[in-house]
């Protein structure tokens, strides 16, 4: 079930959004869960307690902490939620995308526009869910998006998933099986038998190590440098990275 949250200090706007979501849910026959918050602090406290959302409609101009600052704080621990800013002015449009906004919606919100926006954001959520893996961790079952995974290492039979957020998840499994599962995505490389890295987050490649964005150095076995370098360059050109 997709979880949607609305955060606005105007109760009338919250009622309107909930009504639009109910209409959309009935019209599209979608399973959507809804939560409403009257302040950014209320929203952040809920998320810090573990309440996760797939889509967040967030008002920009609210008393105290504004929506842009709220989104920046949220991004420190949740990089996946789709944030849609709500405002009556285009003044903060540029800043909104600096915190990874999905969309910047001007008020008032009409039914047709809301439906188109929900169609779009739900399609994006569905695509990201397909580009993810499900882990059985000590704390239960967790789904992580592949773009969140910086690298993975195996120690004995335990896989350690190092995420871009800095969080590390543990799961029992085989790195051979994980490598085979992720091979079709063409963005993962196994430079060492104990490591699998996401090429998107490779910062430097030397004869002795691959340095990741988090500054972790993955050791390179003797004679592996050229293979790793060529694979990375192929990935960079395929994804139109600028090379100098």
Protein backbone atom coordinates (compact mmCIF):
# COMPACT_ATOMS: atom_id res chain seq x y z
CA UNK A 1 0.00 0.00 0.00
CA UNK A 2 1.29 3.45 -0.94
CA UNK A 3 1.53 5.87 1.99
CA UNK A 4 0.69 9.53 1.34
CA UNK A 5 1.18 12.38 3.81
CA UNK A 6 -0.09 15.97 3.72
CA UNK A 7 1.51 18.74 5.78
CA UNK A 8 -0.10 22.19 5.81
CA UNK A 9 -0.97 24.65 8.56
CA UNK A 10 -4.29 25.45 6.84
CA UNK A 11 -6.98 22.97 7.94
CA UNK A 12 -9.14 23.85 4.92
CA UNK A 13 -6.34 22.87 2.55
CA UNK A 14 -5.86 19.58 4.40
CA UNK A 15 -9.57 18.79 4.10
CA UNK A 16 -9.47 19.57 0.38
CA UNK A 17 -6.42 17.36 -0.16
CA UNK A 18 -7.97 14.46 1.71
CA UNK A 19 -11.14 14.78 -0.35
CA UNK A 20 -9.15 14.82 -3.59
CA UNK A 21 -7.22 11.75 -2.48
CA UNK A 22 -10.44 9.92 -1.61
CA UNK A 23 -11.83 10.74 -5.06
CA UNK A 24 -8.61 9.61 -6.71
CA UNK A 25 -8.52 6.38 -4.69
CA UNK A 26 -12.09 5.54 -5.70
CA UNK A 27 -11.63 6.53 -9.35
CA UNK A 28 -8.32 4.69 -9.86
CA UNK A 29 -9.04 1.82 -7.45
CA UNK A 30 -5.69 2.42 -5.74
CA UNK A 31 -4.70 1.27 -2.26
CA UNK A 32 -3.58 4.50 -0.59
CA UNK A 33 -3.03 5.24 3.08
CA UNK A 34 -3.28 8.88 4.21
CA UNK A 35 -1.81 10.84 7.13
CA UNK A 36 -2.20 14.58 7.79
CA UNK A 37 0.04 16.94 9.75
CA UNK A 38 -0.63 20.54 10.76
CA UNK A 39 3.02 21.50 11.31
CA UNK A 40 6.52 20.51 10.13
CA UNK A 41 7.55 19.54 13.66
CA UNK A 42 4.60 17.15 13.93
CA UNK A 43 5.60 15.60 10.60
CA UNK A 44 9.30 15.25 11.47
CA UNK A 45 8.56 13.72 14.88
CA UNK A 46 6.33 11.15 13.21
CA UNK A 47 9.00 10.23 10.65
CA UNK A 48 11.72 10.05 13.29
CA UNK A 49 9.54 7.59 15.22
CA UNK A 50 9.63 5.34 12.17
CA UNK A 51 6.56 6.39 10.17
CA UNK A 52 7.63 6.22 6.52
CA UNK A 53 5.84 7.76 3.55
CA UNK A 54 6.13 7.23 -0.18
CA UNK A 55 4.64 10.62 -1.17
CA UNK A 56 4.65 13.85 0.83
CA UNK A 57 2.66 16.97 -0.04
CA UNK A 58 4.40 19.74 1.88
CA UNK A 59 3.35 23.39 2.18
CA UNK A 60 6.24 25.82 1.64
CA UNK A 61 5.10 28.77 3.76
CA UNK A 62 4.22 27.75 7.31
CA UNK A 63 4.80 29.46 10.67
CA UNK A 64 8.14 28.64 12.25
CA UNK A 65 10.08 26.22 10.05
CA UNK A 66 9.23 26.56 6.35
CA UNK A 67 8.72 23.68 3.95
CA UNK A 68 12.13 23.98 2.26
CA UNK A 69 13.99 23.71 5.57
CA UNK A 70 11.70 20.87 6.63
CA UNK A 71 12.47 18.95 3.43
CA UNK A 72 16.19 19.50 3.96
CA UNK A 73 15.92 18.00 7.44
CA UNK A 74 13.88 15.07 6.13
CA UNK A 75 16.47 14.36 3.43
CA UNK A 76 19.06 13.75 6.15
CA UNK A 77 17.31 10.48 6.99
CA UNK A 78 14.93 9.80 4.08
CA UNK A 79 16.14 10.27 0.53
CA UNK A 80 13.39 8.19 -1.07
CA UNK A 81 10.13 9.98 -0.23
CA UNK A 82 8.66 11.91 -3.17
CA UNK A 83 8.24 15.50 -1.95
CA UNK A 84 5.66 17.68 -3.69
CA UNK A 85 5.75 21.29 -2.53
CA UNK A 86 2.52 23.25 -2.26
CA UNK A 87 2.51 27.04 -2.46
CA UNK A 88 0.65 30.03 -3.87
CA UNK A 89 3.91 31.54 -5.18
CA UNK A 90 6.69 30.35 -7.49
CA UNK A 91 9.24 32.20 -5.35
CA UNK A 92 10.84 29.08 -3.87
CA UNK A 93 10.78 26.87 -6.97
CA UNK A 94 14.56 26.81 -7.45
CA UNK A 95 15.29 26.01 -3.79
CA UNK A 96 12.72 23.23 -3.86
CA UNK A 97 14.71 21.19 -6.37
CA UNK A 98 17.90 21.63 -4.34
CA UNK A 99 16.30 19.33 -1.73
CA UNK A 100 15.22 16.76 -4.29
CA UNK A 101 11.62 17.81 -4.81
CA UNK A 102 9.56 15.70 -7.17
CA UNK A 103 7.25 18.58 -8.11
CA UNK A 104 6.36 22.17 -7.21
CA UNK A 105 2.57 22.58 -7.24
CA UNK A 106 0.95 26.01 -7.22
CA UNK A 107 -2.28 26.50 -5.27
CA UNK A 108 -5.20 26.24 -5.71
CA UNK A 109 -5.12 22.56 -6.64
CA UNK A 110 -7.80 21.43 -9.07
CA UNK A 111 -9.03 17.88 -9.41
CA UNK A 112 -7.69 17.33 -12.94
CA UNK A 113 -4.21 18.56 -12.01
CA UNK A 114 -4.18 16.53 -8.81
CA UNK A 115 -5.15 13.37 -10.68
CA UNK A 116 -2.42 13.89 -13.31
CA UNK A 117 0.15 14.53 -10.59
CA UNK A 118 -0.85 11.42 -8.64
CA UNK A 119 -0.72 9.31 -11.81
CA UNK A 120 2.81 10.54 -12.43
CA UNK A 121 4.18 10.19 -8.92
CA UNK A 122 2.64 6.74 -8.40
CA UNK A 123 4.22 5.56 -11.67
CA UNK A 124 7.58 6.84 -10.41
CA UNK A 125 7.09 5.03 -7.08
CA UNK A 126 6.20 1.81 -8.88
CA UNK A 127 9.32 2.01 -11.05
CA UNK A 128 11.53 2.57 -8.03
CA UNK A 129 9.96 -0.36 -6.20
CA UNK A 130 10.83 -2.57 -9.16
CA UNK A 131 14.43 -1.28 -8.95
CA UNK A 132 14.85 -2.49 -5.40
CA UNK A 133 15.68 -5.55 -3.35
CA UNK A 134 14.04 -7.02 -0.26
CA UNK A 135 16.28 -8.04 2.63
CA UNK A 136 15.62 -10.22 5.65
CA UNK A 137 17.37 -8.26 8.40
CA UNK A 138 17.66 -8.67 12.15
CA UNK A 139 14.96 -6.03 12.56
CA UNK A 140 12.60 -7.66 10.05
CA UNK A 141 12.07 -7.29 6.31
CA UNK A 142 13.42 -4.16 4.58
CA UNK A 143 13.15 -2.94 1.00
CA UNK A 144 16.00 -0.79 -0.31
CA UNK A 145 16.20 0.99 -3.63
CA UNK A 146 19.26 0.15 -5.70
CA UNK A 147 20.17 3.82 -5.93
CA UNK A 148 20.42 3.82 -2.12
CA UNK A 149 23.01 1.03 -2.11
CA UNK A 150 26.58 2.36 -2.22
CA UNK A 151 28.37 -0.93 -1.71
CA UNK A 152 27.98 -4.33 -0.08
CA UNK A 153 30.55 -6.46 1.72
CA UNK A 154 30.41 -10.01 2.97
CA UNK A 155 31.98 -11.26 6.18
CA UNK A 156 31.57 -15.01 6.59
CA UNK A 157 27.88 -15.51 5.64
CA UNK A 158 26.68 -12.05 6.60
CA UNK A 159 26.07 -9.37 3.98
CA UNK A 160 26.54 -5.76 5.08
CA UNK A 161 24.61 -3.31 2.89
CA UNK A 162 26.14 0.18 3.13
CA UNK A 163 23.56 2.78 2.10
CA UNK A 164 24.12 6.34 0.90
CA UNK A 165 22.44 7.58 4.08
CA UNK A 166 25.23 6.04 6.15
CA UNK A 167 22.98 3.30 7.47
CA UNK A 168 24.25 -0.30 7.36
CA UNK A 169 21.83 -3.22 7.06
CA UNK A 170 22.81 -6.83 7.81
CA UNK A 171 21.38 -9.86 6.05
CA UNK A 172 22.37 -13.50 5.77
CA UNK A 173 23.21 -14.46 2.22
CA UNK A 174 25.71 -15.05 -0.54
CA UNK A 175 27.53 -12.29 -2.42
CA UNK A 176 27.59 -14.60 -5.45
CA UNK A 177 23.78 -14.75 -5.43
CA UNK A 178 23.47 -10.98 -4.89
CA UNK A 179 25.87 -10.26 -7.77
CA UNK A 180 23.86 -12.50 -10.09
CA UNK A 181 20.61 -10.84 -8.99
CA UNK A 182 21.95 -7.32 -9.69
CA UNK A 183 23.88 -8.12 -12.89
CA UNK A 184 21.04 -7.02 -15.25
CA UNK A 185 21.16 -3.47 -13.84
CA UNK A 186 24.69 -2.94 -15.21
CA UNK A 187 25.68 -0.49 -12.49
CA UNK A 188 27.26 -2.92 -10.03
CA UNK A 189 30.80 -4.27 -10.10
CA UNK A 190 32.61 -6.84 -7.98
CA UNK A 191 36.20 -5.54 -7.76
CA UNK A 192 37.03 -7.94 -4.93
CA UNK A 193 35.52 -11.27 -3.93
CA UNK A 194 34.26 -9.73 -0.67
CA UNK A 195 32.79 -6.52 -2.13
CA UNK A 196 30.13 -5.41 -4.60
CA UNK A 197 30.12 -1.68 -5.46
CA UNK A 198 27.62 0.64 -7.11
CA UNK A 199 29.52 2.35 -9.95
CA UNK A 200 27.42 5.48 -9.47
CA UNK A 201 29.27 6.14 -6.22
CA UNK A 202 32.84 5.39 -7.30
CA UNK A 203 34.98 8.43 -6.54
CA UNK A 204 38.45 7.23 -7.53
CA UNK A 205 40.17 4.15 -8.91
CA UNK A 206 43.84 3.50 -8.26
CA UNK A 207 46.03 0.45 -8.72
CA UNK A 208 45.38 -0.58 -5.13
CA UNK A 209 41.83 0.48 -4.29
CA UNK A 210 38.45 1.80 -5.37
CA UNK A 211 37.44 4.82 -3.30
CA UNK A 212 33.71 5.27 -2.79
CA UNK A 213 31.78 8.51 -2.21
CA UNK A 214 31.75 7.78 1.53
CA UNK A 215 35.58 7.58 1.32
CA UNK A 216 35.67 3.85 2.05
CA UNK A 217 38.53 2.20 0.15
CA UNK A 218 37.72 -1.15 -1.47
CA UNK A 219 40.96 -3.15 -1.98
CA UNK A 220 41.86 -4.23 -5.51
CA UNK A 221 43.63 -7.57 -6.03
CA UNK A 222 46.84 -7.50 -8.07
CA UNK A 223 46.14 -7.31 -11.81
CA UNK A 224 42.49 -6.19 -11.36
CA UNK A 225 43.03 -2.46 -12.01
CA UNK A 226 42.58 -2.40 -15.81
CA UNK A 227 39.42 -4.52 -15.73
CA UNK A 228 37.82 -2.31 -13.07
CA UNK A 229 38.89 0.91 -14.80
CA UNK A 230 37.54 -0.23 -18.20
CA UNK A 231 34.23 -1.35 -16.67
CA UNK A 232 33.83 2.01 -14.92
CA UNK A 233 34.68 3.98 -18.09
CA UNK A 234 32.14 1.95 -20.06
CA UNK A 235 29.53 2.74 -17.40
CA UNK A 236 30.46 6.44 -17.42
CA UNK A 237 30.19 6.77 -21.21
CA UNK A 238 26.94 4.77 -21.28
CA UNK A 239 25.45 7.18 -18.76
CA UNK A 240 26.89 10.27 -20.45
CA UNK A 241 29.26 11.25 -17.66
CA UNK A 242 31.65 14.04 -18.61
CA UNK A 243 35.24 12.77 -18.81
CA UNK A 244 38.23 15.14 -18.69
